[in-house]
């Protein structure tokens, strides 16, 4: 009876570990998906205008490489930019 319980506990611990790994993977994939959408589908002028309008530093939205890539949008878009 004790051996059966030990095996059951071990099996449950393995399942828990699998679920924790899946949850971590899911969280990491959310970040990847958001970054991909932001870069490929959202006009950077809209993001830049939003940052300027609400006083959010552009550095919080785009990293250094992205700011270099979208320098044209940063220079062009004002806080009242409309698409």
PDB file of N, CA and C in Angstrom:
ATOM      1  N   UNK A   1       0.822  -1.193   0.000  1.00  0.00           N
ATOM      2  CA  UNK A   1       0.000   0.000   0.000  1.00  0.00           C
ATOM      3  C   UNK A   1       0.865   1.256   0.000  1.00  0.00           C
ATOM      4  N   UNK A   2       1.961   1.232   0.771  1.00  0.00           N
ATOM      5  CA  UNK A   2       2.845   2.391   0.845  1.00  0.00           C
ATOM      6  C   UNK A   2       3.526   2.612  -0.503  1.00  0.00           C
ATOM      7  N   UNK A   3       3.976   1.528  -1.144  1.00  0.00           N
ATOM      8  CA  UNK A   3       4.634   1.642  -2.455  1.00  0.00           C
ATOM      9  C   UNK A   3       3.669   2.206  -3.495  1.00  0.00           C
ATOM     10  N   UNK A   4       2.430   1.789  -3.447  1.00  0.00           N
ATOM     11  CA  UNK A   4       1.420   2.287  -4.386  1.00  0.00           C
ATOM     12  C   UNK A   4       1.222   3.781  -4.210  1.00  0.00           C
ATOM     13  N   UNK A   5       1.171   4.216  -2.961  1.00  0.00           N
ATOM     14  CA  UNK A   5       1.000   5.653  -2.677  1.00  0.00           C
ATOM     15  C   UNK A   5       2.218   6.445  -3.138  1.00  0.00           C
ATOM     16  N   UNK A   6       3.426   5.892  -2.918  1.00  0.00           N
ATOM     17  CA  UNK A   6       4.639   6.575  -3.355  1.00  0.00           C
ATOM     18  C   UNK A   6       4.654   6.748  -4.869  1.00  0.00           C
ATOM     19  N   UNK A   7       4.236   5.702  -5.587  1.00  0.00           N
ATOM     20  CA  UNK A   7       4.190   5.768  -7.051  1.00  0.00           C
ATOM     21  C   UNK A   7       3.163   6.802  -7.508  1.00  0.00           C
ATOM     22  N   UNK A   8       2.030   6.847  -6.816  1.00  0.00           N
ATOM     23  CA  UNK A   8       0.990   7.814  -7.168  1.00  0.00           C
ATOM     24  C   UNK A   8       1.490   9.238  -6.944  1.00  0.00           C
ATOM     25  N   UNK A   9       2.176   9.473  -5.833  1.00  0.00           N
ATOM     26  CA  UNK A   9       2.727  10.799  -5.538  1.00  0.00           C
ATOM     27  C   UNK A   9       3.759  11.183  -6.594  1.00  0.00           C
ATOM     28  N   UNK A  10       4.621  10.236  -6.960  1.00  0.00           N
ATOM     29  CA  UNK A  10       5.646  10.509  -7.969  1.00  0.00           C
ATOM     30  C   UNK A  10       4.994  10.867  -9.310  1.00  0.00           C
ATOM     31  N   UNK A  11       3.953  10.128  -9.682  1.00  0.00           N
ATOM     32  CA  UNK A  11       3.245  10.386 -10.943  1.00  0.00           C
ATOM     33  C   UNK A  11       2.611  11.785 -10.928  1.00  0.00           C
ATOM     34  N   UNK A  12       2.020  12.152  -9.811  1.00  0.00           N
ATOM     35  CA  UNK A  12       1.386  13.472  -9.690  1.00  0.00           C
ATOM     36  C   UNK A  12       2.434  14.581  -9.739  1.00  0.00           C
ATOM     37  N   UNK A  13       3.582  14.358  -9.095  1.00  0.00           N
ATOM     38  CA  UNK A  13       4.659  15.354  -9.141  1.00  0.00           C
ATOM     39  C   UNK A  13       5.165  15.552 -10.572  1.00  0.00           C
ATOM     40  N   UNK A  14       5.272  14.457 -11.331  1.00  0.00           N
ATOM     41  CA  UNK A  14       5.700  14.558 -12.731  1.00  0.00           C
ATOM     42  C   UNK A  14       4.680  15.342 -13.553  1.00  0.00           C
ATOM     43  N   UNK A  15       3.400  15.080 -13.307  1.00  0.00           N
ATOM     44  CA  UNK A  15       2.349  15.817 -14.013  1.00  0.00           C
ATOM     45  C   UNK A  15       2.411  17.302 -13.676  1.00  0.00           C
ATOM     46  N   UNK A  16       2.646  17.613 -12.406  1.00  0.00           N
ATOM     47  CA  UNK A  16       2.749  19.004 -11.978  1.00  0.00           C
ATOM     48  C   UNK A  16       3.914  19.693 -12.679  1.00  0.00           C
ATOM     49  N   UNK A  17       5.048  19.006 -12.762  1.00  0.00           N
ATOM     50  CA  UNK A  17       6.206  19.579 -13.421  1.00  0.00           C
ATOM     51  C   UNK A  17       5.907  19.853 -14.902  1.00  0.00           C
ATOM     52  N   UNK A  18       5.226  18.918 -15.566  1.00  0.00           N
ATOM     53  CA  UNK A  18       4.860  19.114 -16.976  1.00  0.00           C
ATOM     54  C   UNK A  18       3.966  20.342 -17.137  1.00  0.00           C
ATOM     55  N   UNK A  19       2.997  20.491 -16.241  1.00  0.00           N
ATOM     56  CA  UNK A  19       2.086  21.633 -16.314  1.00  0.00           C
ATOM     57  C   UNK A  19       2.817  22.953 -16.082  1.00  0.00           C
ATOM     58  N   UNK A  20       3.776  22.953 -15.161  1.00  0.00           N
ATOM     59  CA  UNK A  20       4.550  24.171 -14.911  1.00  0.00           C
ATOM     60  C   UNK A  20       5.369  24.557 -16.138  1.00  0.00           C
ATOM     61  N   UNK A  21       5.955  23.572 -16.810  1.00  0.00           N
ATOM     62  CA  UNK A  21       6.723  23.842 -18.031  1.00  0.00           C
ATOM     63  C   UNK A  21       5.798  24.385 -19.117  1.00  0.00           C
ATOM     64  N   UNK A  22       4.621  23.786 -19.254  1.00  0.00           N
ATOM     65  CA  UNK A  22       3.662  24.263 -20.256  1.00  0.00           C
ATOM     66  C   UNK A  22       3.239  25.701 -19.969  1.00  0.00           C
ATOM     67  N   UNK A  23       3.009  26.021 -18.702  1.00  0.00           N
ATOM     68  CA  UNK A  23       2.601  27.385 -18.343  1.00  0.00           C
ATOM     69  C   UNK A  23       3.710  28.375 -18.668  1.00  0.00           C
ATOM     70  N   UNK A  24       4.950  28.013 -18.383  1.00  0.00           N
ATOM     71  CA  UNK A  24       6.084  28.884 -18.700  1.00  0.00           C
ATOM     72  C   UNK A  24       6.184  29.094 -20.204  1.00  0.00           C
ATOM     73  N   UNK A  25       6.067  28.014 -20.970  1.00  0.00           N
ATOM     74  CA  UNK A  25       6.122  28.125 -22.431  1.00  0.00           C
ATOM     75  C   UNK A  25       5.020  29.039 -22.950  1.00  0.00           C
ATOM     76  N   UNK A  26       3.832  28.898 -22.396  1.00  0.00           N
ATOM     77  CA  UNK A  26       2.699  29.712 -22.832  1.00  0.00           C
ATOM     78  C   UNK A  26       2.978  31.193 -22.592  1.00  0.00           C
ATOM     79  N   UNK A  27       3.512  31.525 -21.425  1.00  0.00           N
ATOM     80  CA  UNK A  27       3.830  32.924 -21.105  1.00  0.00           C
ATOM     81  C   UNK A  27       4.894  33.475 -22.047  1.00  0.00           C
ATOM     82  N   UNK A  28       5.930  32.681 -22.310  1.00  0.00           N
ATOM     83  CA  UNK A  28       6.999  33.137 -23.198  1.00  0.00           C
ATOM     84  C   UNK A  28       6.475  33.336 -24.617  1.00  0.00           C
ATOM     85  N   UNK A  29       5.583  32.472 -25.062  1.00  0.00           N
ATOM     86  CA  UNK A  29       5.028  32.603 -26.411  1.00  0.00           C
ATOM     87  C   UNK A  29       4.146  33.831 -26.544  1.00  0.00           C
ATOM     88  N   UNK A  30       3.487  34.240 -25.462  1.00  0.00           N
ATOM     89  CA  UNK A  30       2.673  35.455 -25.510  1.00  0.00           C
ATOM     90  C   UNK A  30       3.541  36.652 -25.856  1.00  0.00           C
ATOM     91  N   UNK A  31       4.704  36.734 -25.245  1.00  0.00           N
ATOM     92  CA  UNK A  31       5.600  37.854 -25.512  1.00  0.00           C
ATOM     93  C   UNK A  31       6.070  37.842 -26.958  1.00  0.00           C
ATOM     94  N   UNK A  32       6.394  36.666 -27.465  1.00  0.00           N
ATOM     95  CA  UNK A  32       6.851  36.551 -28.849  1.00  0.00           C
ATOM     96  C   UNK A  32       5.742  36.989 -29.793  1.00  0.00           C
ATOM     97  N   UNK A  33       4.528  36.514 -29.548  1.00  0.00           N
ATOM     98  CA  UNK A  33       3.420  36.845 -30.434  1.00  0.00           C
ATOM     99  C   UNK A  33       3.128  38.344 -30.422  1.00  0.00           C
ATOM    100  N   UNK A  34       3.174  38.968 -29.250  1.00  0.00           N
ATOM    101  CA  UNK A  34       2.903  40.403 -29.175  1.00  0.00           C
ATOM    102  C   UNK A  34       3.951  41.198 -29.933  1.00  0.00           C
ATOM    103  N   UNK A  35       5.195  40.831 -29.774  1.00  0.00           N
ATOM    104  CA  UNK A  35       6.266  41.530 -30.476  1.00  0.00           C
ATOM    105  C   UNK A  35       6.146  41.386 -31.974  1.00  0.00           C
ATOM    106  N   UNK A  36       5.787  40.199 -32.421  1.00  0.00           N
ATOM    107  CA  UNK A  36       5.646  39.946 -33.848  1.00  0.00           C
ATOM    108  C   UNK A  36       4.522  40.798 -34.425  1.00  0.00           C
ATOM    109  N   UNK A  37       3.386  40.832 -33.757  1.00  0.00           N
ATOM    110  CA  UNK A  37       2.261  41.635 -34.239  1.00  0.00           C
ATOM    111  C   UNK A  37       2.620  43.110 -34.285  1.00  0.00           C
ATOM    112  N   UNK A  38       3.272  43.578 -33.221  1.00  0.00           N
ATOM    113  CA  UNK A  38       3.625  44.998 -33.132  1.00  0.00           C
ATOM    114  C   UNK A  38       4.538  45.387 -34.286  1.00  0.00           C
ATOM    115  N   UNK A  39       5.478  44.537 -34.634  1.00  0.00           N
ATOM    116  CA  UNK A  39       6.444  44.876 -35.682  1.00  0.00           C
ATOM    117  C   UNK A  39       5.875  44.709 -37.082  1.00  0.00           C
ATOM    118  N   UNK A  40       5.057  43.693 -37.292  1.00  0.00           N
ATOM    119  CA  UNK A  40       4.644  43.368 -38.653  1.00  0.00           C
ATOM    120  C   UNK A  40       3.300  43.954 -39.082  1.00  0.00           C
ATOM    121  N   UNK A  41       2.421  44.242 -38.144  1.00  0.00           N
ATOM    122  CA  UNK A  41       1.073  44.629 -38.535  1.00  0.00           C
ATOM    123  C   UNK A  41       0.647  46.020 -38.084  1.00  0.00           C
ATOM    124  N   UNK A  42       1.301  46.575 -37.086  1.00  0.00           N
ATOM    125  CA  UNK A  42       0.876  47.865 -36.553  1.00  0.00           C
ATOM    126  C   UNK A  42       1.743  48.978 -37.116  1.00  0.00           C
ATOM    127  N   UNK A  43       1.125  49.965 -37.711  1.00  0.00           N
ATOM    128  CA  UNK A  43       1.859  51.109 -38.255  1.00  0.00           C
ATOM    129  C   UNK A  43       2.592  51.795 -37.104  1.00  0.00           C
ATOM    130  N   UNK A  44       3.911  51.924 -37.192  1.00  0.00           N
ATOM    131  CA  UNK A  44       4.666  52.501 -36.080  1.00  0.00           C
ATOM    132  C   UNK A  44       4.281  53.947 -35.779  1.00  0.00           C
ATOM    133  N   UNK A  45       3.745  54.667 -36.754  1.00  0.00           N
ATOM    134  CA  UNK A  45       3.323  56.052 -36.508  1.00  0.00           C
ATOM    135  C   UNK A  45       2.211  56.108 -35.470  1.00  0.00           C
ATOM    136  N   UNK A  46       1.348  55.097 -35.466  1.00  0.00           N
ATOM    137  CA  UNK A  46       0.255  55.051 -34.492  1.00  0.00           C
ATOM    138  C   UNK A  46       0.817  54.859 -33.082  1.00  0.00           C
ATOM    139  N   UNK A  47       1.762  53.926 -32.961  1.00  0.00           N
ATOM    140  CA  UNK A  47       2.377  53.684 -31.647  1.00  0.00           C
ATOM    141  C   UNK A  47       3.139  54.907 -31.159  1.00  0.00           C
ATOM    142  N   UNK A  48       3.876  55.550 -32.056  1.00  0.00           N
ATOM    143  CA  UNK A  48       4.662  56.731 -31.690  1.00  0.00           C
ATOM    144  C   UNK A  48       3.731  57.869 -31.269  1.00  0.00           C
ATOM    145  N   UNK A  49       2.660  58.084 -32.025  1.00  0.00           N
ATOM    146  CA  UNK A  49       1.709  59.144 -31.686  1.00  0.00           C
ATOM    147  C   UNK A  49       1.068  58.872 -30.323  1.00  0.00           C
ATOM    148  N   UNK A  50       0.728  57.620 -30.071  1.00  0.00           N
ATOM    149  CA  UNK A  50       0.133  57.256 -28.783  1.00  0.00           C
ATOM    150  C   UNK A  50       1.106  57.561 -27.651  1.00  0.00           C
ATOM    151  N   UNK A  51       2.374  57.193 -27.844  1.00  0.00           N
ATOM    152  CA  UNK A  51       3.398  57.475 -26.819  1.00  0.00           C
ATOM    153  C   UNK A  51       3.500  58.973 -26.546  1.00  0.00           C
ATOM    154  N   UNK A  52       3.534  59.761 -27.611  1.00  0.00           N
ATOM    155  CA  UNK A  52       3.675  61.211 -27.449  1.00  0.00           C
ATOM    156  C   UNK A  52       2.436  61.812 -26.791  1.00  0.00           C
ATOM    157  N   UNK A  53       1.269  61.317 -27.168  1.00  0.00           N
ATOM    158  CA  UNK A  53       0.017  61.852 -26.632  1.00  0.00           C
ATOM    159  C   UNK A  53      -0.119  61.588 -25.130  1.00  0.00           C
ATOM    160  N   UNK A  54       0.299  60.397 -24.692  1.00  0.00           N
ATOM    161  CA  UNK A  54       0.106  60.017 -23.294  1.00  0.00           C
ATOM    162  C   UNK A  54       1.394  60.066 -22.469  1.00  0.00           C
ATOM    163  N   UNK A  55       2.457  60.608 -23.054  1.00  0.00           N
ATOM    164  CA  UNK A  55       3.699  60.784 -22.311  1.00  0.00           C
ATOM    165  C   UNK A  55       4.421  59.495 -21.959  1.00  0.00           C
ATOM    166  N   UNK A  56       4.237  58.468 -22.777  1.00  0.00           N
ATOM    167  CA  UNK A  56       4.918  57.190 -22.549  1.00  0.00           C
ATOM    168  C   UNK A  56       6.241  57.208 -23.309  1.00  0.00           C
ATOM    169  N   UNK A  57       7.349  56.937 -22.654  1.00  0.00           N
ATOM    170  CA  UNK A  57       8.632  56.925 -23.371  1.00  0.00           C
ATOM    171  C   UNK A  57       8.629  55.877 -24.482  1.00  0.00           C
ATOM    172  N   UNK A  58       9.077  56.249 -25.647  1.00  0.00           N
ATOM    173  CA  UNK A  58       9.103  55.328 -26.787  1.00  0.00           C
ATOM    174  C   UNK A  58       9.975  54.118 -26.466  1.00  0.00           C
ATOM    175  N   UNK A  59      10.956  54.299 -25.587  1.00  0.00           N
ATOM    176  CA  UNK A  59      11.838  53.202 -25.186  1.00  0.00           C
ATOM    177  C   UNK A  59      11.069  52.072 -24.506  1.00  0.00           C
ATOM    178  N   UNK A  60       9.899  52.389 -23.944  1.00  0.00           N
ATOM    179  CA  UNK A  60       9.083  51.358 -23.301  1.00  0.00           C
ATOM    180  C   UNK A  60       8.373  50.493 -24.339  1.00  0.00           C
ATOM    181  N   UNK A  61       8.213  51.020 -25.550  1.00  0.00           N
ATOM    182  CA  UNK A  61       7.482  50.313 -26.596  1.00  0.00           C
ATOM    183  C   UNK A  61       8.431  49.627 -27.578  1.00  0.00           C
ATOM    184  N   UNK A  62       9.465  50.337 -27.989  1.00  0.00           N
ATOM    185  CA  UNK A  62      10.414  49.807 -28.972  1.00  0.00           C
ATOM    186  C   UNK A  62      11.819  49.744 -28.382  1.00  0.00           C
ATOM    187  N   UNK A  63      12.530  48.643 -28.656  1.00  0.00           N
ATOM    188  CA  UNK A  63      13.924  48.562 -28.220  1.00  0.00           C
ATOM    189  C   UNK A  63      14.807  49.378 -29.174  1.00  0.00           C
ATOM    190  N   UNK A  64      16.115  49.417 -28.920  1.00  0.00           N
ATOM    191  CA  UNK A  64      17.030  50.276 -29.685  1.00  0.00           C
ATOM    192  C   UNK A  64      17.000  49.955 -31.177  1.00  0.00           C
ATOM    193  N   UNK A  65      17.057  48.692 -31.527  1.00  0.00           N
ATOM    194  CA  UNK A  65      17.048  48.285 -32.933  1.00  0.00           C
ATOM    195  C   UNK A  65      15.747  48.706 -33.607  1.00  0.00           C
ATOM    196  N   UNK A  66      14.634  48.511 -32.919  1.00  0.00           N
ATOM    197  CA  UNK A  66      13.339  48.892 -33.475  1.00  0.00           C
ATOM    198  C   UNK A  66      13.231  50.402 -33.624  1.00  0.00           C
ATOM    199  N   UNK A  67      13.779  51.152 -32.669  1.00  0.00           N
ATOM    200  CA  UNK A  67      13.751  52.622 -32.779  1.00  0.00           C
ATOM    201  C   UNK A  67      14.564  53.076 -33.985  1.00  0.00           C
ATOM    202  N   UNK A  68      15.677  52.417 -34.251  1.00  0.00           N
ATOM    203  CA  UNK A  68      16.467  52.762 -35.438  1.00  0.00           C
ATOM    204  C   UNK A  68      15.690  52.433 -36.709  1.00  0.00           C
ATOM    205  N   UNK A  69      15.024  51.288 -36.716  1.00  0.00           N
ATOM    206  CA  UNK A  69      14.240  50.865 -37.881  1.00  0.00           C
ATOM    207  C   UNK A  69      13.075  51.829 -38.143  1.00  0.00           C
ATOM    208  N   UNK A  70      12.453  52.305 -37.075  1.00  0.00           N
ATOM    209  CA  UNK A  70      11.279  53.165 -37.206  1.00  0.00           C
ATOM    210  C   UNK A  70      11.594  54.638 -36.950  1.00  0.00           C
ATOM    211  N   UNK A  71      12.832  55.037 -37.142  1.00  0.00           N
ATOM    212  CA  UNK A  71      13.223  56.440 -36.913  1.00  0.00           C
ATOM    213  C   UNK A  71      12.362  57.384 -37.740  1.00  0.00           C
ATOM    214  N   UNK A  72      12.024  56.973 -38.952  1.00  0.00           N
ATOM    215  CA  UNK A  72      11.191  57.805 -39.829  1.00  0.00           C
ATOM    216  C   UNK A  72       9.836  58.086 -39.167  1.00  0.00           C
ATOM    217  N   UNK A  73       9.265  57.088 -38.507  1.00  0.00           N
ATOM    218  CA  UNK A  73       7.961  57.266 -37.857  1.00  0.00           C
ATOM    219  C   UNK A  73       8.093  58.136 -36.609  1.00  0.00           C
ATOM    220  N   UNK A  74       9.186  57.949 -35.879  1.00  0.00           N
ATOM    221  CA  UNK A  74       9.407  58.734 -34.665  1.00  0.00           C
ATOM    222  C   UNK A  74       9.559  60.212 -35.017  1.00  0.00           C
ATOM    223  N   UNK A  75      10.256  60.492 -36.113  1.00  0.00           N
ATOM    224  CA  UNK A  75      10.442  61.880 -36.546  1.00  0.00           C
ATOM    225  C   UNK A  75       9.162  62.480 -37.109  1.00  0.00           C
ATOM    226  N   UNK A  76       8.345  61.656 -37.739  1.00  0.00           N
ATOM    227  CA  UNK A  76       7.193  62.139 -38.495  1.00  0.00           C
ATOM    228  C   UNK A  76       5.926  62.310 -37.640  1.00  0.00           C
ATOM    229  N   UNK A  77       5.650  61.343 -36.778  1.00  0.00           N
ATOM    230  CA  UNK A  77       4.364  61.316 -36.071  1.00  0.00           C
ATOM    231  C   UNK A  77       4.353  62.288 -34.893  1.00  0.00           C
ATOM    232  N   UNK A  78       3.321  63.103 -34.845  1.00  0.00           N
ATOM    233  CA  UNK A  78       3.085  63.996 -33.709  1.00  0.00           C
ATOM    234  C   UNK A  78       1.995  63.384 -32.840  1.00  0.00           C
ATOM    235  N   UNK A  79       1.748  63.971 -31.672  1.00  0.00           N
ATOM    236  CA  UNK A  79       0.767  63.384 -30.758  1.00  0.00           C
ATOM    237  C   UNK A  79      -0.653  63.394 -31.314  1.00  0.00           C
ATOM    238  N   UNK A  80      -0.916  64.262 -32.296  1.00  0.00           N
ATOM    239  CA  UNK A  80      -2.261  64.316 -32.875  1.00  0.00           C
ATOM    240  C   UNK A  80      -2.336  63.605 -34.225  1.00  0.00           C
ATOM    241  N   UNK A  81      -1.362  62.743 -34.516  1.00  0.00           N
ATOM    242  CA  UNK A  81      -1.341  62.002 -35.783  1.00  0.00           C
ATOM    243  C   UNK A  81      -2.590  61.140 -35.901  1.00  0.00           C
ATOM    244  N   UNK A  82      -3.206  61.154 -37.079  1.00  0.00           N
ATOM    245  CA  UNK A  82      -4.363  60.300 -37.350  1.00  0.00           C
ATOM    246  C   UNK A  82      -4.072  59.469 -38.572  1.00  0.00           C
ATOM    247  N   UNK A  83      -4.432  58.202 -38.501  1.00  0.00           N
ATOM    248  CA  UNK A  83      -4.184  57.278 -39.606  1.00  0.00           C
ATOM    249  C   UNK A  83      -5.258  57.419 -40.653  1.00  0.00           C
TER     250      UNK A  83
END
